[in-house]
Amino acid sequence: MRASCGVWLPLVLTGLGFFFSPGAATAQDESLEIVAHTGVYKPNADLWAWATVDPNTGTFGVGSLTQKTGLAVGARATRWFGETLGFEADFTYAFSDVEWSSATIGNGLSFATADLNAGVWAIGTAMAFRFPLNDVVALRAKLGASLLHHFSSSDPDLNGSGLWEGIGGTTDIGAILGAGVRFGVTERLGIRFDIQDYLYSAKFEDRLGQDSDSELQNDFLFSIGLSVVR
């Protein structure tokens, strides 16, 4: 689903205002948990796939753009309103290049591939749940919405331009699912292991105004982080 930052940003700011307000939680077990994390961002579907036929030569061509697995860093904060229920906001920045590949069938068969400088950042807000197993270990789960943006930088394979320059539909709204576990080290410090799944539909508009087919995306984030509770 294509997103307008002008629509999404006020909702995020309103949620964060509630999130960090002193009176937002009154339950006995209220707390604020902050996590700095790093991990692996792993997309699982083509972003853009196409097929063309040259009416003059009869040459048939296919191609695709695929987001690659890459390093991710980020942070999340959870306002717990009690032992079980909370509200979580997170930000992830992934160094995830895009692989361009194509094949043509005409006077012979030819293939071409290139890795293009690109990445993804994502903002998520979600209802969070925790399930303590004992004084040290607690399970985590969450369900919410995300805003995800594909960006690019200057690339020599594109004569110095960026992959997404002049392309529409690079920002999407989708769902976010998550699960994890926290291991307490001290009363306030812990280690968190999390899996997040970004679900969204990628649909782009090229520089000639033509839309691509919608492609369901299922991007995973596997992360480990340092958790601080205050």
C-alpha atoms as a PDB file:
ATOM      1  CA  MET A   1       0.000   0.000   0.000  1.00  0.00           C
ATOM      2  CA  ARG A   2       1.449   3.355  -0.972  1.00  0.00           C
ATOM      3  CA  ALA A   3       1.804   5.810   1.874  1.00  0.00           C
ATOM      4  CA  SER A   4       1.716   9.556   2.298  1.00  0.00           C
ATOM      5  CA  CYS A   5       4.132  10.775   4.967  1.00  0.00           C
ATOM      6  CA  GLY A   6       1.852  13.778   5.476  1.00  0.00           C
ATOM      7  CA  VAL A   7      -0.897  11.425   6.633  1.00  0.00           C
ATOM      8  CA  TRP A   8       1.251   9.007   8.618  1.00  0.00           C
ATOM      9  CA  LEU A   9       3.559  11.443  10.451  1.00  0.00           C
ATOM     10  CA  PRO A  10       0.864  13.119  12.645  1.00  0.00           C
ATOM     11  CA  LEU A  11      -0.330   9.675  13.759  1.00  0.00           C
ATOM     12  CA  VAL A  12       3.195   8.657  14.728  1.00  0.00           C
ATOM     13  CA  LEU A  13       3.835  11.907  16.617  1.00  0.00           C
ATOM     14  CA  THR A  14       0.512  11.634  18.467  1.00  0.00           C
ATOM     15  CA  GLY A  15       1.321   8.078  19.492  1.00  0.00           C
ATOM     16  CA  LEU A  16       4.815   9.026  20.661  1.00  0.00           C
ATOM     17  CA  GLY A  17       3.412  11.955  22.649  1.00  0.00           C
ATOM     18  CA  PHE A  18       1.131   9.563  24.486  1.00  0.00           C
ATOM     19  CA  PHE A  19       3.960   7.057  24.736  1.00  0.00           C
ATOM     20  CA  PHE A  20       6.385   9.352  26.571  1.00  0.00           C
ATOM     21  CA  SER A  21       3.893  11.440  28.585  1.00  0.00           C
ATOM     22  CA  PRO A  22       4.412  11.095  32.374  1.00  0.00           C
ATOM     23  CA  GLY A  23       0.789  10.169  33.012  1.00  0.00           C
ATOM     24  CA  ALA A  24       0.440   7.662  30.203  1.00  0.00           C
ATOM     25  CA  ALA A  25       0.616   4.644  32.512  1.00  0.00           C
ATOM     26  CA  THR A  26      -0.685   4.210  36.019  1.00  0.00           C
ATOM     27  CA  ALA A  27      -0.448   0.474  36.577  1.00  0.00           C
ATOM     28  CA  GLN A  28       1.701  -0.859  39.398  1.00  0.00           C
ATOM     29  CA  ASP A  29       4.130  -2.550  36.989  1.00  0.00           C
ATOM     30  CA  GLU A  30       4.540   0.393  34.624  1.00  0.00           C
ATOM     31  CA  SER A  31       7.998   0.820  33.124  1.00  0.00           C
ATOM     32  CA  LEU A  32       9.829   2.082  30.061  1.00  0.00           C
ATOM     33  CA  GLU A  33      12.029  -0.412  28.198  1.00  0.00           C
ATOM     34  CA  ILE A  34      14.585   0.859  25.681  1.00  0.00           C
ATOM     35  CA  VAL A  35      16.468  -1.496  23.348  1.00  0.00           C
ATOM     36  CA  ALA A  36      19.385  -0.799  20.987  1.00  0.00           C
ATOM     37  CA  HIS A  37      19.640  -3.649  18.502  1.00  0.00           C
ATOM     38  CA  THR A  38      21.513  -4.957  15.494  1.00  0.00           C
ATOM     39  CA  GLY A  39      20.815  -7.896  13.266  1.00  0.00           C
ATOM     40  CA  VAL A  40      19.987  -9.177   9.800  1.00  0.00           C
ATOM     41  CA  TYR A  41      17.322  -7.827   7.463  1.00  0.00           C
ATOM     42  CA  LYS A  42      16.089 -10.598   5.150  1.00  0.00           C
ATOM     43  CA  PRO A  43      13.577  -9.836   2.361  1.00  0.00           C
ATOM     44  CA  ASN A  44      11.835 -12.814   0.759  1.00  0.00           C
ATOM     45  CA  ALA A  45      10.274 -11.644  -2.529  1.00  0.00           C
ATOM     46  CA  ASP A  46      11.032  -9.676  -5.681  1.00  0.00           C
ATOM     47  CA  LEU A  47      10.239  -5.978  -5.387  1.00  0.00           C
ATOM     48  CA  TRP A  48       9.620  -5.534  -9.088  1.00  0.00           C
ATOM     49  CA  ALA A  49       9.363  -8.063 -11.917  1.00  0.00           C
ATOM     50  CA  TRP A  50       8.637  -7.415 -15.570  1.00  0.00           C
ATOM     51  CA  ALA A  51       8.473  -8.975 -19.023  1.00  0.00           C
ATOM     52  CA  THR A  52       8.777  -7.169 -22.362  1.00  0.00           C
ATOM     53  CA  VAL A  53       8.532  -7.977 -26.058  1.00  0.00           C
ATOM     54  CA  ASP A  54      10.112  -5.810 -28.753  1.00  0.00           C
ATOM     55  CA  PRO A  55       7.500  -5.666 -31.575  1.00  0.00           C
ATOM     56  CA  ASN A  56      10.168  -4.857 -34.157  1.00  0.00           C
ATOM     57  CA  THR A  57      12.650  -7.621 -33.422  1.00  0.00           C
ATOM     58  CA  GLY A  58      10.542 -10.104 -31.445  1.00  0.00           C
ATOM     59  CA  THR A  59      13.126 -10.041 -28.680  1.00  0.00           C
ATOM     60  CA  PHE A  60      11.667 -11.239 -25.377  1.00  0.00           C
ATOM     61  CA  GLY A  61      13.043  -9.942 -22.091  1.00  0.00           C
ATOM     62  CA  VAL A  62      12.421 -10.529 -18.397  1.00  0.00           C
ATOM     63  CA  GLY A  63      13.894  -8.797 -15.384  1.00  0.00           C
ATOM     64  CA  SER A  64      13.532  -8.166 -11.680  1.00  0.00           C
ATOM     65  CA  LEU A  65      14.648  -6.024  -8.768  1.00  0.00           C
ATOM     66  CA  THR A  66      15.258  -7.971  -5.557  1.00  0.00           C
ATOM     67  CA  GLN A  67      16.123  -6.514  -2.154  1.00  0.00           C
ATOM     68  CA  LYS A  68      19.119  -8.353  -0.708  1.00  0.00           C
ATOM     69  CA  THR A  69      19.832  -9.566   2.806  1.00  0.00           C
ATOM     70  CA  GLY A  70      21.820  -6.982   4.769  1.00  0.00           C
ATOM     71  CA  LEU A  71      22.964  -5.639   8.116  1.00  0.00           C
ATOM     72  CA  ALA A  72      20.351  -3.755  10.152  1.00  0.00           C
ATOM     73  CA  VAL A  73      20.612  -1.445  13.160  1.00  0.00           C
ATOM     74  CA  GLY A  74      17.919   0.269  15.150  1.00  0.00           C
ATOM     75  CA  ALA A  75      16.181   0.926  18.429  1.00  0.00           C
ATOM     76  CA  ARG A  76      12.837   0.270  20.037  1.00  0.00           C
ATOM     77  CA  ALA A  77      11.080   1.603  23.107  1.00  0.00           C
ATOM     78  CA  THR A  78       8.185  -0.011  24.950  1.00  0.00           C
ATOM     79  CA  ARG A  79       5.938   1.665  27.510  1.00  0.00           C
ATOM     80  CA  TRP A  80       4.567  -1.103  29.703  1.00  0.00           C
ATOM     81  CA  PHE A  81       1.247  -0.334  31.367  1.00  0.00           C
ATOM     82  CA  GLY A  82       1.301  -3.434  33.542  1.00  0.00           C
ATOM     83  CA  GLU A  83       2.806  -6.885  33.647  1.00  0.00           C
ATOM     84  CA  THR A  84       1.446  -7.912  30.223  1.00  0.00           C
ATOM     85  CA  LEU A  85       0.297  -5.009  28.027  1.00  0.00           C
ATOM     86  CA  GLY A  86       2.401  -2.247  26.450  1.00  0.00           C
ATOM     87  CA  PHE A  87       2.845   0.088  23.480  1.00  0.00           C
ATOM     88  CA  GLU A  88       5.995  -0.182  21.370  1.00  0.00           C
ATOM     89  CA  ALA A  89       7.653   2.095  18.819  1.00  0.00           C
ATOM     90  CA  ASP A  90      10.720   1.108  16.824  1.00  0.00           C
ATOM     91  CA  PHE A  91      13.023   2.299  14.063  1.00  0.00           C
ATOM     92  CA  THR A  92      15.164   0.100  11.815  1.00  0.00           C
ATOM     93  CA  TYR A  93      17.761   1.083   9.217  1.00  0.00           C
ATOM     94  CA  ALA A  94      18.880  -1.710   6.886  1.00  0.00           C
ATOM     95  CA  PHE A  95      21.917  -1.663   4.592  1.00  0.00           C
ATOM     96  CA  SER A  96      20.159  -3.744   1.973  1.00  0.00           C
ATOM     97  CA  ASP A  97      21.289  -3.434  -1.654  1.00  0.00           C
ATOM     98  CA  VAL A  98      19.055  -4.278  -4.610  1.00  0.00           C
ATOM     99  CA  GLU A  99      20.009  -6.889  -7.184  1.00  0.00           C
ATOM    100  CA  TRP A 100      19.003  -6.025 -10.748  1.00  0.00           C
ATOM    101  CA  SER A 101      18.835  -8.983 -13.106  1.00  0.00           C
ATOM    102  CA  SER A 102      17.623  -9.418 -16.672  1.00  0.00           C
ATOM    103  CA  ALA A 103      17.560 -11.969 -19.447  1.00  0.00           C
ATOM    104  CA  THR A 104      16.824 -11.510 -23.161  1.00  0.00           C
ATOM    105  CA  ILE A 105      15.925 -14.081 -25.775  1.00  0.00           C
ATOM    106  CA  GLY A 106      16.310 -13.057 -29.395  1.00  0.00           C
ATOM    107  CA  ASN A 107      19.432 -13.496 -31.431  1.00  0.00           C
ATOM    108  CA  GLY A 108      20.798 -15.749 -28.721  1.00  0.00           C
ATOM    109  CA  LEU A 109      20.372 -15.736 -24.966  1.00  0.00           C
ATOM    110  CA  SER A 110      21.975 -13.165 -22.690  1.00  0.00           C
ATOM    111  CA  PHE A 111      21.971 -12.499 -18.950  1.00  0.00           C
ATOM    112  CA  ALA A 112      22.986  -9.457 -16.890  1.00  0.00           C
ATOM    113  CA  THR A 113      23.071  -8.711 -13.156  1.00  0.00           C
ATOM    114  CA  ALA A 114      24.192  -5.824 -10.963  1.00  0.00           C
ATOM    115  CA  ASP A 115      24.129  -4.957  -7.261  1.00  0.00           C
ATOM    116  CA  LEU A 116      22.801  -1.422  -6.790  1.00  0.00           C
ATOM    117  CA  ASN A 117      23.364   0.821  -3.759  1.00  0.00           C
ATOM    118  CA  ALA A 118      20.133   0.906  -1.767  1.00  0.00           C
ATOM    119  CA  GLY A 119      18.576   0.352   1.628  1.00  0.00           C
ATOM    120  CA  VAL A 120      15.424   0.418   3.703  1.00  0.00           C
ATOM    121  CA  TRP A 121      14.285   2.245   6.803  1.00  0.00           C
ATOM    122  CA  ALA A 122      11.149   1.360   8.732  1.00  0.00           C
ATOM    123  CA  ILE A 123       9.138   2.875  11.577  1.00  0.00           C
ATOM    124  CA  GLY A 124       6.743   0.684  13.512  1.00  0.00           C
ATOM    125  CA  THR A 125       4.137   1.192  16.225  1.00  0.00           C
ATOM    126  CA  ALA A 126       2.457  -1.772  17.876  1.00  0.00           C
ATOM    127  CA  MET A 127       0.625  -3.160  20.860  1.00  0.00           C
ATOM    128  CA  ALA A 128       3.141  -5.239  22.794  1.00  0.00           C
ATOM    129  CA  PHE A 129       2.644  -8.207  25.092  1.00  0.00           C
ATOM    130  CA  ARG A 130       4.993  -9.880  27.556  1.00  0.00           C
ATOM    131  CA  PHE A 131       4.673 -13.208  29.308  1.00  0.00           C
ATOM    132  CA  PRO A 132       7.150 -13.723  32.191  1.00  0.00           C
ATOM    133  CA  LEU A 133       8.236 -17.338  32.594  1.00  0.00           C
ATOM    134  CA  ASN A 134      10.255 -16.623  35.752  1.00  0.00           C
ATOM    135  CA  ASP A 135      12.275 -13.787  37.273  1.00  0.00           C
ATOM    136  CA  VAL A 136      14.816 -13.923  34.435  1.00  0.00           C
ATOM    137  CA  VAL A 137      13.057 -14.946  31.201  1.00  0.00           C
ATOM    138  CA  ALA A 138      10.055 -13.277  29.565  1.00  0.00           C
ATOM    139  CA  LEU A 139       8.501 -13.906  26.164  1.00  0.00           C
ATOM    140  CA  ARG A 140       7.517 -11.002  23.897  1.00  0.00           C
ATOM    141  CA  ALA A 141       4.951 -10.541  21.117  1.00  0.00           C
ATOM    142  CA  LYS A 142       3.582  -7.572  19.196  1.00  0.00           C
ATOM    143  CA  LEU A 143       1.133  -6.616  16.460  1.00  0.00           C
ATOM    144  CA  GLY A 144       0.871  -3.252  14.750  1.00  0.00           C
ATOM    145  CA  ALA A 145       1.527  -1.077  11.704  1.00  0.00           C
ATOM    146  CA  SER A 146       4.705   0.020   9.942  1.00  0.00           C
ATOM    147  CA  LEU A 147       5.879   2.721   7.559  1.00  0.00           C
ATOM    148  CA  LEU A 148       8.649   1.445   5.280  1.00  0.00           C
ATOM    149  CA  HIS A 149      10.737   3.429   2.773  1.00  0.00           C
ATOM    150  CA  HIS A 150      13.136   2.245   0.063  1.00  0.00           C
ATOM    151  CA  PHE A 151      16.033   4.628  -0.575  1.00  0.00           C
ATOM    152  CA  SER A 152      19.084   4.633  -2.820  1.00  0.00           C
ATOM    153  CA  SER A 153      22.367   6.459  -3.252  1.00  0.00           C
ATOM    154  CA  SER A 154      24.602   7.354  -6.193  1.00  0.00           C
ATOM    155  CA  ASP A 155      25.585   4.234  -8.117  1.00  0.00           C
ATOM    156  CA  PRO A 156      28.325   3.886 -10.790  1.00  0.00           C
ATOM    157  CA  ASP A 157      26.253   1.204 -12.573  1.00  0.00           C
ATOM    158  CA  LEU A 158      23.564   3.868 -13.135  1.00  0.00           C
ATOM    159  CA  ASN A 159      25.940   6.612 -14.285  1.00  0.00           C
ATOM    160  CA  GLY A 160      25.957   8.176 -10.837  1.00  0.00           C
ATOM    161  CA  SER A 161      22.207   8.357 -10.306  1.00  0.00           C
ATOM    162  CA  GLY A 162      20.268   6.447  -7.644  1.00  0.00           C
ATOM    163  CA  LEU A 163      18.069   3.430  -8.327  1.00  0.00           C
ATOM    164  CA  TRP A 164      14.921   5.000  -6.881  1.00  0.00           C
ATOM    165  CA  GLU A 165      15.420   8.525  -8.254  1.00  0.00           C
ATOM    166  CA  GLY A 166      12.230   9.595 -10.048  1.00  0.00           C
ATOM    167  CA  ILE A 167      10.410   6.399  -9.068  1.00  0.00           C
ATOM    168  CA  GLY A 168       7.063   6.601  -7.283  1.00  0.00           C
ATOM    169  CA  GLY A 169       5.707   4.239  -4.649  1.00  0.00           C
ATOM    170  CA  THR A 170       8.902   3.828  -2.617  1.00  0.00           C
ATOM    171  CA  THR A 171       7.069   4.382   0.695  1.00  0.00           C
ATOM    172  CA  ASP A 172       4.534   1.840   1.941  1.00  0.00           C
ATOM    173  CA  ILE A 173       2.280   1.211   4.914  1.00  0.00           C
ATOM    174  CA  GLY A 174       1.920  -2.350   6.115  1.00  0.00           C
ATOM    175  CA  ALA A 175       1.577  -4.633   9.096  1.00  0.00           C
ATOM    176  CA  ILE A 176       4.265  -5.624  11.554  1.00  0.00           C
ATOM    177  CA  LEU A 177       4.342  -8.847  13.576  1.00  0.00           C
ATOM    178  CA  GLY A 178       6.924  -9.686  16.179  1.00  0.00           C
ATOM    179  CA  ALA A 179       8.006 -12.260  18.721  1.00  0.00           C
ATOM    180  CA  GLY A 180      10.999 -12.520  21.015  1.00  0.00           C
ATOM    181  CA  VAL A 181      12.461 -13.313  24.387  1.00  0.00           C
ATOM    182  CA  ARG A 182      14.245 -11.230  27.019  1.00  0.00           C
ATOM    183  CA  PHE A 183      16.848 -12.622  29.393  1.00  0.00           C
ATOM    184  CA  GLY A 184      17.424 -10.486  32.462  1.00  0.00           C
ATOM    185  CA  VAL A 185      21.067  -9.901  33.407  1.00  0.00           C
ATOM    186  CA  THR A 186      20.477  -7.500  36.307  1.00  0.00           C
ATOM    187  CA  GLU A 187      17.355  -5.847  37.678  1.00  0.00           C
ATOM    188  CA  ARG A 188      17.400  -3.290  34.840  1.00  0.00           C
ATOM    189  CA  LEU A 189      19.645  -4.751  32.121  1.00  0.00           C
ATOM    190  CA  GLY A 190      18.836  -7.615  29.813  1.00  0.00           C
ATOM    191  CA  ILE A 191      19.451  -9.184  26.407  1.00  0.00           C
ATOM    192  CA  ARG A 192      16.648  -9.398  23.854  1.00  0.00           C
ATOM    193  CA  PHE A 193      16.333 -11.661  20.843  1.00  0.00           C
ATOM    194  CA  ASP A 194      13.575 -10.647  18.428  1.00  0.00           C
ATOM    195  CA  ILE A 195      12.057 -11.624  15.076  1.00  0.00           C
ATOM    196  CA  GLN A 196       9.958  -9.058  13.219  1.00  0.00           C
ATOM    197  CA  ASP A 197       7.982  -9.565  10.037  1.00  0.00           C
ATOM    198  CA  TYR A 198       7.151  -6.573   7.835  1.00  0.00           C
ATOM    199  CA  LEU A 199       4.166  -7.366   5.605  1.00  0.00           C
ATOM    200  CA  TYR A 200       3.347  -4.885   2.831  1.00  0.00           C
ATOM    201  CA  SER A 201       2.542  -4.601  -0.840  1.00  0.00           C
ATOM    202  CA  ALA A 202       5.214  -3.083  -3.101  1.00  0.00           C
ATOM    203  CA  LYS A 203       3.942  -1.272  -6.186  1.00  0.00           C
ATOM    204  CA  PHE A 204       6.068   1.258  -8.050  1.00  0.00           C
ATOM    205  CA  GLU A 205       5.569   3.863 -10.745  1.00  0.00           C
ATOM    206  CA  ASP A 206       8.383   4.195 -13.269  1.00  0.00           C
ATOM    207  CA  ARG A 207       9.714   7.416 -14.772  1.00  0.00           C
ATOM    208  CA  LEU A 208       7.191   7.144 -17.637  1.00  0.00           C
ATOM    209  CA  GLY A 209       4.237   6.907 -15.249  1.00  0.00           C
ATOM    210  CA  GLN A 210       3.652   3.185 -15.720  1.00  0.00           C
ATOM    211  CA  ASP A 211       2.726   1.135 -12.635  1.00  0.00           C
ATOM    212  CA  SER A 212       4.368  -2.148 -11.762  1.00  0.00           C
ATOM    213  CA  ASP A 213       2.375  -5.148 -10.598  1.00  0.00           C
ATOM    214  CA  SER A 214       1.753  -5.275  -6.871  1.00  0.00           C
ATOM    215  CA  GLU A 215       4.153  -7.671  -5.136  1.00  0.00           C
ATOM    216  CA  LEU A 216       3.469  -8.926  -1.604  1.00  0.00           C
ATOM    217  CA  GLN A 217       6.556  -8.453   0.562  1.00  0.00           C
ATOM    218  CA  ASN A 218       7.450 -10.487   3.607  1.00  0.00           C
ATOM    219  CA  ASP A 219      10.634  -8.977   5.096  1.00  0.00           C
ATOM    220  CA  PHE A 220      12.127 -10.440   8.265  1.00  0.00           C
ATOM    221  CA  LEU A 221      14.340  -8.737  10.831  1.00  0.00           C
ATOM    222  CA  PHE A 222      16.364 -11.014  13.120  1.00  0.00           C
ATOM    223  CA  SER A 223      17.929  -8.959  15.898  1.00  0.00           C
ATOM    224  CA  ILE A 224      19.780  -9.054  19.185  1.00  0.00           C
ATOM    225  CA  GLY A 225      19.770  -6.071  21.492  1.00  0.00           C
ATOM    226  CA  LEU A 226      20.677  -4.598  24.846  1.00  0.00           C
ATOM    227  CA  SER A 227      17.556  -3.886  26.899  1.00  0.00           C
ATOM    228  CA  VAL A 228      17.375  -1.249  29.649  1.00  0.00           C
ATOM    229  CA  VAL A 229      14.311  -0.902  31.871  1.00  0.00           C
ATOM    230  CA  ARG A 230      13.625   2.240  33.862  1.00  0.00           C
END
